[in-house]
Structures are given as C-alpha cells and as structure tokens.
C-alpha atoms as a PDB file:
ATOM      1  CA  MET A   1     -22.737 -27.059 -16.538  1.00  0.00           C
ATOM      2  CA  PRO A   2     -19.525 -28.715 -15.377  1.00  0.00           C
ATOM      3  CA  SER A   3     -16.399 -26.671 -15.302  1.00  0.00           C
ATOM      4  CA  VAL A   4     -13.764 -27.016 -18.039  1.00  0.00           C
ATOM      5  CA  LYS A   5     -10.240 -27.897 -16.490  1.00  0.00           C
ATOM      6  CA  ILE A   6      -7.438 -25.915 -17.456  1.00  0.00           C
ATOM      7  CA  ARG A   7      -5.590 -28.826 -18.990  1.00  0.00           C
ATOM      8  CA  GLU A   8      -8.648 -29.464 -21.214  1.00  0.00           C
ATOM      9  CA  LEU A   9      -8.520 -25.795 -22.627  1.00  0.00           C
ATOM     10  CA  PRO A  10      -6.743 -25.006 -25.928  1.00  0.00           C
ATOM     11  CA  GLU A  11      -3.010 -24.572 -24.939  1.00  0.00           C
ATOM     12  CA  GLU A  12      -3.122 -20.911 -25.969  1.00  0.00           C
ATOM     13  CA  ASP A  13      -6.003 -20.183 -23.374  1.00  0.00           C
ATOM     14  CA  ARG A  14      -4.001 -21.922 -20.499  1.00  0.00           C
ATOM     15  CA  PRO A  15      -2.580 -19.095 -18.103  1.00  0.00           C
ATOM     16  CA  ARG A  16       0.720 -20.668 -17.944  1.00  0.00           C
ATOM     17  CA  GLU A  17       1.362 -21.230 -21.586  1.00  0.00           C
ATOM     18  CA  LYS A  18      -0.152 -17.896 -22.299  1.00  0.00           C
ATOM     19  CA  LEU A  19       2.246 -16.158 -20.017  1.00  0.00           C
ATOM     20  CA  TRP A  20       5.321 -18.143 -21.335  1.00  0.00           C
ATOM     21  CA  LYS A  21       4.374 -17.128 -24.977  1.00  0.00           C
ATOM     22  CA  ARG A  22       2.822 -13.808 -24.681  1.00  0.00           C
ATOM     23  CA  GLY A  23       4.193 -12.256 -21.589  1.00  0.00           C
ATOM     24  CA  ALA A  24       2.343 -11.476 -18.298  1.00  0.00           C
ATOM     25  CA  ASP A  25       0.400  -8.476 -20.003  1.00  0.00           C
ATOM     26  CA  ALA A  26      -1.745 -10.774 -21.893  1.00  0.00           C
ATOM     27  CA  LEU A  27      -3.221 -12.140 -18.996  1.00  0.00           C
ATOM     28  CA  THR A  28      -6.197 -11.088 -17.099  1.00  0.00           C
ATOM     29  CA  ASP A  29      -6.060 -10.495 -13.183  1.00  0.00           C
ATOM     30  CA  ARG A  30      -7.809 -13.702 -12.493  1.00  0.00           C
ATOM     31  CA  GLU A  31      -5.487 -15.660 -14.863  1.00  0.00           C
ATOM     32  CA  LEU A  32      -2.280 -14.182 -13.000  1.00  0.00           C
ATOM     33  CA  ILE A  33      -4.047 -15.153  -9.562  1.00  0.00           C
ATOM     34  CA  ALA A  34      -4.895 -18.702 -11.076  1.00  0.00           C
ATOM     35  CA  ILE A  35      -0.936 -19.079 -11.939  1.00  0.00           C
ATOM     36  CA  LEU A  36      -0.187 -18.577  -8.134  1.00  0.00           C
ATOM     37  CA  LEU A  37      -3.236 -20.847  -7.023  1.00  0.00           C
ATOM     38  CA  ARG A  38      -1.887 -23.506  -9.516  1.00  0.00           C
ATOM     39  CA  THR A  39      -4.976 -25.768  -8.881  1.00  0.00           C
ATOM     40  CA  GLY A  40      -8.713 -25.229  -8.510  1.00  0.00           C
ATOM     41  CA  VAL A  41     -11.314 -27.222  -6.646  1.00  0.00           C
ATOM     42  CA  PRO A  42     -13.880 -29.668  -7.739  1.00  0.00           C
ATOM     43  CA  GLY A  43     -16.188 -28.178 -10.042  1.00  0.00           C
ATOM     44  CA  LYS A  44     -14.036 -24.953 -10.508  1.00  0.00           C
ATOM     45  CA  ASN A  45     -10.785 -24.609 -12.347  1.00  0.00           C
ATOM     46  CA  ALA A  46      -8.187 -22.278 -10.989  1.00  0.00           C
ATOM     47  CA  VAL A  47      -9.198 -19.441 -13.217  1.00  0.00           C
ATOM     48  CA  GLU A  48     -12.712 -19.545 -11.967  1.00  0.00           C
ATOM     49  CA  VAL A  49     -11.370 -19.707  -8.255  1.00  0.00           C
ATOM     50  CA  GLY A  50      -9.320 -16.624  -8.961  1.00  0.00           C
ATOM     51  CA  GLY A  51     -12.265 -14.859 -10.383  1.00  0.00           C
ATOM     52  CA  GLU A  52     -14.233 -15.777  -7.191  1.00  0.00           C
ATOM     53  CA  VAL A  53     -11.372 -14.270  -4.991  1.00  0.00           C
ATOM     54  CA  LEU A  54     -11.243 -11.006  -7.005  1.00  0.00           C
ATOM     55  CA  THR A  55     -15.022 -10.650  -6.801  1.00  0.00           C
ATOM     56  CA  GLN A  56     -14.991 -11.093  -2.983  1.00  0.00           C
ATOM     57  CA  TYR A  57     -12.466  -8.425  -2.615  1.00  0.00           C
ATOM     58  CA  GLN A  58     -13.706  -5.984  -5.496  1.00  0.00           C
ATOM     59  CA  THR A  59     -10.367  -4.828  -6.149  1.00  0.00           C
ATOM     60  CA  LEU A  60      -6.584  -5.803  -6.461  1.00  0.00           C
ATOM     61  CA  SER A  61      -5.953  -3.248  -3.641  1.00  0.00           C
ATOM     62  CA  GLY A  62      -8.549  -4.895  -1.659  1.00  0.00           C
ATOM     63  CA  LEU A  63      -7.003  -8.246  -2.013  1.00  0.00           C
ATOM     64  CA  CYS A  64      -3.691  -7.081  -1.277  1.00  0.00           C
ATOM     65  CA  ARG A  65      -4.853  -5.820   1.995  1.00  0.00           C
ATOM     66  CA  ALA A  66      -6.184  -9.155   2.995  1.00  0.00           C
ATOM     67  CA  ARG A  67      -3.922 -11.110   5.647  1.00  0.00           C
ATOM     68  CA  ALA A  68      -2.951 -14.660   4.679  1.00  0.00           C
ATOM     69  CA  GLN A  69      -5.187 -16.030   7.629  1.00  0.00           C
ATOM     70  CA  GLU A  70      -8.270 -14.616   5.907  1.00  0.00           C
ATOM     71  CA  LEU A  71      -7.372 -15.675   2.619  1.00  0.00           C
ATOM     72  CA  ALA A  72      -6.748 -19.045   3.789  1.00  0.00           C
ATOM     73  CA  THR A  73     -10.472 -19.385   4.540  1.00  0.00           C
ATOM     74  CA  ILE A  74     -11.577 -18.899   0.884  1.00  0.00           C
ATOM     75  CA  ARG A  75     -12.524 -22.368  -0.526  1.00  0.00           C
ATOM     76  CA  GLY A  76      -9.770 -23.267  -3.189  1.00  0.00           C
ATOM     77  CA  VAL A  77      -7.012 -21.327  -1.356  1.00  0.00           C
ATOM     78  CA  GLY A  78      -6.091 -22.506   1.948  1.00  0.00           C
ATOM     79  CA  PRO A  79      -2.892 -21.845   3.912  1.00  0.00           C
ATOM     80  CA  THR A  80      -0.227 -22.742   1.565  1.00  0.00           C
ATOM     81  CA  LYS A  81      -1.549 -20.838  -1.522  1.00  0.00           C
ATOM     82  CA  ALA A  82      -2.636 -17.976   0.906  1.00  0.00           C
ATOM     83  CA  VAL A  83       0.835 -17.590   1.813  1.00  0.00           C
ATOM     84  CA  GLN A  84       1.923 -17.722  -2.015  1.00  0.00           C
ATOM     85  CA  LEU A  85      -0.520 -14.836  -2.532  1.00  0.00           C
ATOM     86  CA  ALA A  86       0.576 -12.732   0.444  1.00  0.00           C
ATOM     87  CA  ALA A  87       4.238 -13.291  -0.611  1.00  0.00           C
ATOM     88  CA  ALA A  88       3.747 -12.290  -4.153  1.00  0.00           C
ATOM     89  CA  PHE A  89       1.680  -9.039  -3.162  1.00  0.00           C
ATOM     90  CA  LYS A  90       4.430  -8.219  -0.767  1.00  0.00           C
ATOM     91  CA  LEU A  91       7.248  -8.568  -3.350  1.00  0.00           C
ATOM     92  CA  ALA A  92       5.249  -6.072  -5.578  1.00  0.00           C
ATOM     93  CA  GLU A  93       4.948  -3.661  -2.856  1.00  0.00           C
ATOM     94  CA  ARG A  94       8.540  -3.716  -2.140  1.00  0.00           C
ATOM     95  CA  MET A  95       9.508  -3.460  -5.793  1.00  0.00           C
ATOM     96  CA  ALA A  96       7.290  -0.385  -6.000  1.00  0.00           C
ATOM     97  CA  LYS A  97       9.196   1.068  -2.987  1.00  0.00           C
ATOM     98  CA  GLU A  98      12.496   0.363  -4.482  1.00  0.00           C
ATOM     99  CA  LYS A  99      11.613   1.927  -7.682  1.00  0.00           C
ATOM    100  CA  ILE A 100      10.267   5.253  -5.963  1.00  0.00           C
ATOM    101  CA  SER A 101      13.336   5.422  -3.346  1.00  0.00           C
ATOM    102  CA  ARG A 102      15.408   6.215  -6.162  1.00  0.00           C
ATOM    103  CA  GLN A 103      13.331   9.115  -7.353  1.00  0.00           C
ATOM    104  CA  LYS A 104      12.930  12.849  -6.246  1.00  0.00           C
ATOM    105  CA  ILE A 105      10.199  12.452  -3.540  1.00  0.00           C
ATOM    106  CA  ASP A 106       8.579  15.916  -3.541  1.00  0.00           C
ATOM    107  CA  SER A 107       4.843  15.157  -4.169  1.00  0.00           C
ATOM    108  CA  PRO A 108       1.927  13.492  -2.429  1.00  0.00           C
ATOM    109  CA  GLU A 109       1.443  11.181  -5.450  1.00  0.00           C
ATOM    110  CA  LEU A 110       4.722   9.504  -4.819  1.00  0.00           C
ATOM    111  CA  VAL A 111       4.306   9.507  -1.120  1.00  0.00           C
ATOM    112  CA  ASN A 112       1.149   7.694  -1.627  1.00  0.00           C
ATOM    113  CA  GLU A 113       2.807   5.172  -4.128  1.00  0.00           C
ATOM    114  CA  TYR A 114       5.280   4.498  -1.337  1.00  0.00           C
ATOM    115  CA  PHE A 115       3.236   4.059   1.627  1.00  0.00           C
ATOM    116  CA  GLY A 116      -0.258   3.813   0.213  1.00  0.00           C
ATOM    117  CA  ALA A 117      -0.694  -0.064  -0.184  1.00  0.00           C
ATOM    118  CA  GLU A 118       1.006  -0.894   3.042  1.00  0.00           C
ATOM    119  CA  MET A 119      -0.847   1.678   5.122  1.00  0.00           C
ATOM    120  CA  ARG A 120      -4.230   1.016   3.881  1.00  0.00           C
ATOM    121  CA  ALA A 121      -3.890  -2.531   5.108  1.00  0.00           C
ATOM    122  CA  LEU A 122      -3.428  -1.249   8.494  1.00  0.00           C
ATOM    123  CA  GLU A 123      -6.170  -1.513  11.333  1.00  0.00           C
ATOM    124  CA  LYS A 124      -4.702   1.185  13.381  1.00  0.00           C
ATOM    125  CA  GLU A 125      -3.268   4.569  12.593  1.00  0.00           C
ATOM    126  CA  SER A 126       0.479   4.521  12.070  1.00  0.00           C
ATOM    127  CA  LEU A 127       2.637   7.756  11.829  1.00  0.00           C
ATOM    128  CA  ARG A 128       5.603   7.644   9.976  1.00  0.00           C
ATOM    129  CA  VAL A 129       8.350  10.036   8.651  1.00  0.00           C
ATOM    130  CA  LEU A 130      10.422   9.949   5.187  1.00  0.00           C
ATOM    131  CA  LEU A 131      13.912  11.275   5.852  1.00  0.00           C
ATOM    132  CA  LEU A 132      15.218  13.159   2.752  1.00  0.00           C
ATOM    133  CA  ASP A 133      18.604  14.554   1.648  1.00  0.00           C
ATOM    134  CA  THR A 134      19.140  18.059  -0.169  1.00  0.00           C
ATOM    135  CA  ARG A 135      17.993  16.406  -3.506  1.00  0.00           C
ATOM    136  CA  TYR A 136      14.885  14.926  -1.764  1.00  0.00           C
ATOM    137  CA  HIS A 137      16.127  11.382  -2.244  1.00  0.00           C
ATOM    138  CA  LEU A 138      15.186   8.811   0.475  1.00  0.00           C
ATOM    139  CA  ILE A 139      17.593   8.326   3.338  1.00  0.00           C
ATOM    140  CA  ALA A 140      15.242   6.153   5.255  1.00  0.00           C
ATOM    141  CA  ALA A 141      11.577   6.009   6.285  1.00  0.00           C
ATOM    142  CA  GLU A 142      10.794   5.308  10.130  1.00  0.00           C
ATOM    143  CA  GLU A 143       7.696   4.487  12.085  1.00  0.00           C
ATOM    144  CA  ILE A 144       7.364   6.988  14.789  1.00  0.00           C
ATOM    145  CA  SER A 145       4.013   5.597  16.694  1.00  0.00           C
ATOM    146  CA  ARG A 146       1.213   3.359  16.006  1.00  0.00           C
ATOM    147  CA  GLY A 147      -2.116   4.091  18.054  1.00  0.00           C
ATOM    148  CA  SER A 148      -5.714   3.049  18.517  1.00  0.00           C
ATOM    149  CA  VAL A 149      -8.198   2.409  15.630  1.00  0.00           C
ATOM    150  CA  ASN A 150      -8.381   6.287  15.006  1.00  0.00           C
ATOM    151  CA  GLU A 151      -5.516   8.150  16.699  1.00  0.00           C
ATOM    152  CA  SER A 152      -1.818   7.677  16.696  1.00  0.00           C
ATOM    153  CA  ILE A 153       0.265   9.503  19.410  1.00  0.00           C
ATOM    154  CA  ALA A 154       3.267  11.556  18.559  1.00  0.00           C
ATOM    155  CA  HIS A 155       4.998  14.622  19.843  1.00  0.00           C
ATOM    156  CA  PRO A 156       6.987  16.746  17.362  1.00  0.00           C
ATOM    157  CA  ARG A 157      10.340  15.805  18.972  1.00  0.00           C
ATOM    158  CA  GLU A 158       9.744  12.197  18.530  1.00  0.00           C
ATOM    159  CA  ILE A 159       8.982  12.895  14.859  1.00  0.00           C
ATOM    160  CA  PHE A 160      12.110  14.972  14.245  1.00  0.00           C
ATOM    161  CA  ARG A 161      14.329  12.953  16.330  1.00  0.00           C
ATOM    162  CA  PRO A 162      15.168  10.400  13.263  1.00  0.00           C
ATOM    163  CA  ALA A 163      15.720  13.397  11.032  1.00  0.00           C
ATOM    164  CA  LEU A 164      18.303  14.791  13.476  1.00  0.00           C
ATOM    165  CA  LEU A 165      20.052  11.527  13.846  1.00  0.00           C
ATOM    166  CA  ALA A 166      20.241  11.036  10.133  1.00  0.00           C
ATOM    167  CA  SER A 167      21.083  14.727   9.526  1.00  0.00           C
ATOM    168  CA  ALA A 168      18.184  14.913   7.030  1.00  0.00           C
ATOM    169  CA  TYR A 169      17.545  18.063   5.041  1.00  0.00           C
ATOM    170  CA  ALA A 170      13.923  17.756   4.712  1.00  0.00           C
ATOM    171  CA  VAL A 171      11.187  15.336   5.988  1.00  0.00           C
ATOM    172  CA  ILE A 172       7.765  14.265   4.780  1.00  0.00           C
ATOM    173  CA  VAL A 173       5.357  13.140   7.772  1.00  0.00           C
ATOM    174  CA  VAL A 174       2.602  10.521   6.764  1.00  0.00           C
ATOM    175  CA  HIS A 175      -0.040   8.669   8.493  1.00  0.00           C
ATOM    176  CA  ASN A 176      -3.197   6.645   7.822  1.00  0.00           C
ATOM    177  CA  HIS A 177      -6.830   6.833   8.495  1.00  0.00           C
ATOM    178  CA  PRO A 178      -8.083   3.350   8.985  1.00  0.00           C
ATOM    179  CA  SER A 179     -11.777   4.782   8.446  1.00  0.00           C
ATOM    180  CA  GLY A 180     -10.761   5.142   4.812  1.00  0.00           C
ATOM    181  CA  ASP A 181     -11.749   8.957   4.922  1.00  0.00           C
ATOM    182  CA  PRO A 182      -8.298  11.053   4.658  1.00  0.00           C
ATOM    183  CA  SER A 183      -9.834  14.300   5.582  1.00  0.00           C
ATOM    184  CA  PRO A 184      -7.519  15.697   8.171  1.00  0.00           C
ATOM    185  CA  SER A 185      -9.185  15.841  11.828  1.00  0.00           C
ATOM    186  CA  GLN A 186      -8.811  18.904  14.162  1.00  0.00           C
ATOM    187  CA  ALA A 187      -5.980  16.923  15.907  1.00  0.00           C
ATOM    188  CA  ASP A 188      -4.117  16.617  12.510  1.00  0.00           C
ATOM    189  CA  GLN A 189      -4.444  20.234  11.881  1.00  0.00           C
ATOM    190  CA  SER A 190      -3.063  20.878  15.099  1.00  0.00           C
ATOM    191  CA  LEU A 191      -0.073  18.485  14.925  1.00  0.00           C
ATOM    192  CA  THR A 192       0.905  19.884  11.499  1.00  0.00           C
ATOM    193  CA  ARG A 193       0.833  23.612  12.851  1.00  0.00           C
ATOM    194  CA  ARG A 194       3.026  22.418  15.777  1.00  0.00           C
ATOM    195  CA  LEU A 195       5.362  20.438  13.101  1.00  0.00           C
ATOM    196  CA  ALA A 196       5.894  23.470  10.864  1.00  0.00           C
ATOM    197  CA  ASP A 197       6.785  25.497  13.973  1.00  0.00           C
ATOM    198  CA  ALA A 198       9.248  22.979  15.179  1.00  0.00           C
ATOM    199  CA  ALA A 199      10.748  22.559  11.636  1.00  0.00           C
ATOM    200  CA  GLU A 200      11.483  26.141  11.370  1.00  0.00           C
ATOM    201  CA  LEU A 201      13.117  26.199  14.513  1.00  0.00           C
ATOM    202  CA  MET A 202      15.347  23.158  13.911  1.00  0.00           C
ATOM    203  CA  GLN A 203      15.993  24.633  10.121  1.00  0.00           C
ATOM    204  CA  ILE A 204      14.502  21.166   8.766  1.00  0.00           C
ATOM    205  CA  LYS A 205      12.238  21.422   5.732  1.00  0.00           C
ATOM    206  CA  LEU A 206       8.928  20.052   6.355  1.00  0.00           C
ATOM    207  CA  LEU A 207       7.815  19.093   2.930  1.00  0.00           C
ATOM    208  CA  ASP A 208       4.364  17.762   3.421  1.00  0.00           C
ATOM    209  CA  HIS A 209       2.031  15.899   5.642  1.00  0.00           C
ATOM    210  CA  VAL A 210      -0.023  13.363   3.838  1.00  0.00           C
ATOM    211  CA  ILE A 211      -2.749  11.430   5.176  1.00  0.00           C
ATOM    212  CA  ILE A 212      -3.148   8.114   3.647  1.00  0.00           C
ATOM    213  CA  GLY A 213      -6.952   6.847   3.188  1.00  0.00           C
ATOM    214  CA  ALA A 214      -9.176   4.780   0.987  1.00  0.00           C
ATOM    215  CA  PRO A 215     -12.166   6.826   0.271  1.00  0.00           C
ATOM    216  CA  ALA A 216     -15.326   4.961  -1.180  1.00  0.00           C
ATOM    217  CA  ASP A 217     -16.056   7.932  -3.515  1.00  0.00           C
ATOM    218  CA  GLU A 218     -14.162   9.459  -6.425  1.00  0.00           C
ATOM    219  CA  ARG A 219     -12.063  11.642  -4.122  1.00  0.00           C
ATOM    220  CA  ALA A 220      -7.979  11.237  -3.925  1.00  0.00           C
ATOM    221  CA  PRO A 221      -6.901   8.298  -1.787  1.00  0.00           C
ATOM    222  CA  TYR A 222      -4.695  10.744   0.304  1.00  0.00           C
ATOM    223  CA  PHE A 223      -4.702  14.279   1.899  1.00  0.00           C
ATOM    224  CA  SER A 224      -1.827  16.546   1.368  1.00  0.00           C
ATOM    225  CA  PHE A 225      -1.383  19.590   3.648  1.00  0.00           C
ATOM    226  CA  LYS A 226       1.030  20.955   1.029  1.00  0.00           C
ATOM    227  CA  GLU A 227      -1.630  20.913  -1.726  1.00  0.00           C
ATOM    228  CA  ALA A 228      -4.037  22.263   0.502  1.00  0.00           C
ATOM    229  CA  GLY A 229      -1.730  25.291   1.123  1.00  0.00           C
ATOM    230  CA  VAL A 230      -1.372  24.783   4.759  1.00  0.00           C
ATOM    231  CA  LEU A 231       2.494  24.131   4.314  1.00  0.00           C
END
C-alpha cells in the first residue's frame, strides 16, 4: 500500500500545522522528529521515516546518543538532516543543564539530570567534578580526565585542584561506565575512600561520587556513594 504524503493528510494531522495550532505536547515523538526531517523518501513520508529512526534506536535517549555521522547513514536522513537532529538534541541537553544549574544541586538525581545524557553518549570513561558554593549552587563543571573504554585515570590532587582554584565549598565527583553497568568497581571504591580522606584534609565537602550508567534492567541509571552510605 503506497504511503500517504503529509500534504495529502487532513490539515489537523500534519505535524507542523498540528504543532502550530495545538502546541508541541500534542505531537508524538515521531511527529516531532518528522518536523526536523521535513521530508521523507519515495514510499515513506517524514512521519514514517521518523518512526523508523525511533525504532532503530528504541528510545529517545538512545537516539540522542547517536553521532551525526551515524544518523546520516539512515535512509531518509543524510548529512544535513543528521546535523539538524544532533543540534536539536544538544540544545535540549544544554537547556536542561541551564535549568538545573540554577538549583541547589545536592542529590544524585540532579547530577544524573545534569550529566546523564551527555556522559552516556561517551565511549570512554570521563571523570568530572561539580564545583559548588555554600548554598550548593553550581560554580562550574570541570572534566578532570578521559580514559580508556573502562578506566579513567585521576589522582585526588587533580580532582580537588579546580575546587581550590575556584574556592569551592563542596564538590560532587562524577564519572561514567561505558559498559552501561553503574555498579562501582574496586578501583571506584578505592578512589572514593581516597577522595573522602583528601576532602577532610582540605576542608572541602565531598557531597557525593556518582557513577553514570545505562543498565538494561530496571535498576537506577546511576550509582551514588552517598545513597549507599559510604559518604
């Protein structure tokens, strides 16, 4: 059965017209993607292509992690549309960070919201530190190291150096597990103990050490040493 072109649909079913009249909340995920794609391919309209893109990556989180070069290989996307999709995802990520940065950051849930989407897209471990003032508001976020597929290399002095330079009152250390499993390794546990000792010595509050993952089961997408009672 031939695909129905978007312009042949009733006006109230066309994604752009629907968004204009009813707002973005009225659209499905594939309709929103179709607006970014603008056009389909022979035999498939933009909404159907958007649906296939979603099916390939299963979730919006999975789609957001895809690089522009990878998206460009999908039939109906190509380089120009891939860049548009990647730009839209990055703007959404930055908007989320901007909103969170004005809040009191004192929970692993907020850390996950701030770093999660970005760090789950990384193929190597990255270790970062959130620098906070006395009200636990964000001063800055710094990447300390980026390692191999399963290991980042950092010393407590390198982690706390940005905190000393910024006169931060507190810090939250964050790193990702590219494997998707956020469970702490023995090296993670050892590093956390060393960080706790160093923080006490330098009188800087170590609020938490959060590991960002993407487990395939129903577990939380992060591990918090604070929630585990270690800190």
